[in-house]
């Protein structure tokens, strides 16, 4: 069983930055690849980024490429999402998710399938004002 707790959300002006953290319980954190998803009000949950077990492989959805950076510290059982140049359309509840399996899924489409992730955090609100 893995418990995930996100933090770091808040209100920021457009162009600003936030860093989200997701702390995981358990002793097998390095056995999991991780993902960040977000859900805006009235919309479906969407994939943001994924990272493999050691942080050497990452993938981002097009809308955040070049602005967001996904990293992990296995010694601290924590992943991070550094979000720069934030836009109002980034406003959403952000969720981290853990998937059994060290490597990224084979296709970008698969990375975005919520049902392929085994554990989810409770989410943290990010609001970007214009």
Foldseek 3Di string as FASTA:
>chain_A
DKAKAKDWADEEAAQAKIKMKIAIDDDPLLQWKKFKWWDAPPGDIWGAKIAFSQRPDMDGDPVQPPFWDWGDDSVRRMIMIIGGRDDQVVWTWMKMFIARHGDQDPDPVVNTDPVRTDDMYPTDTHGYHD
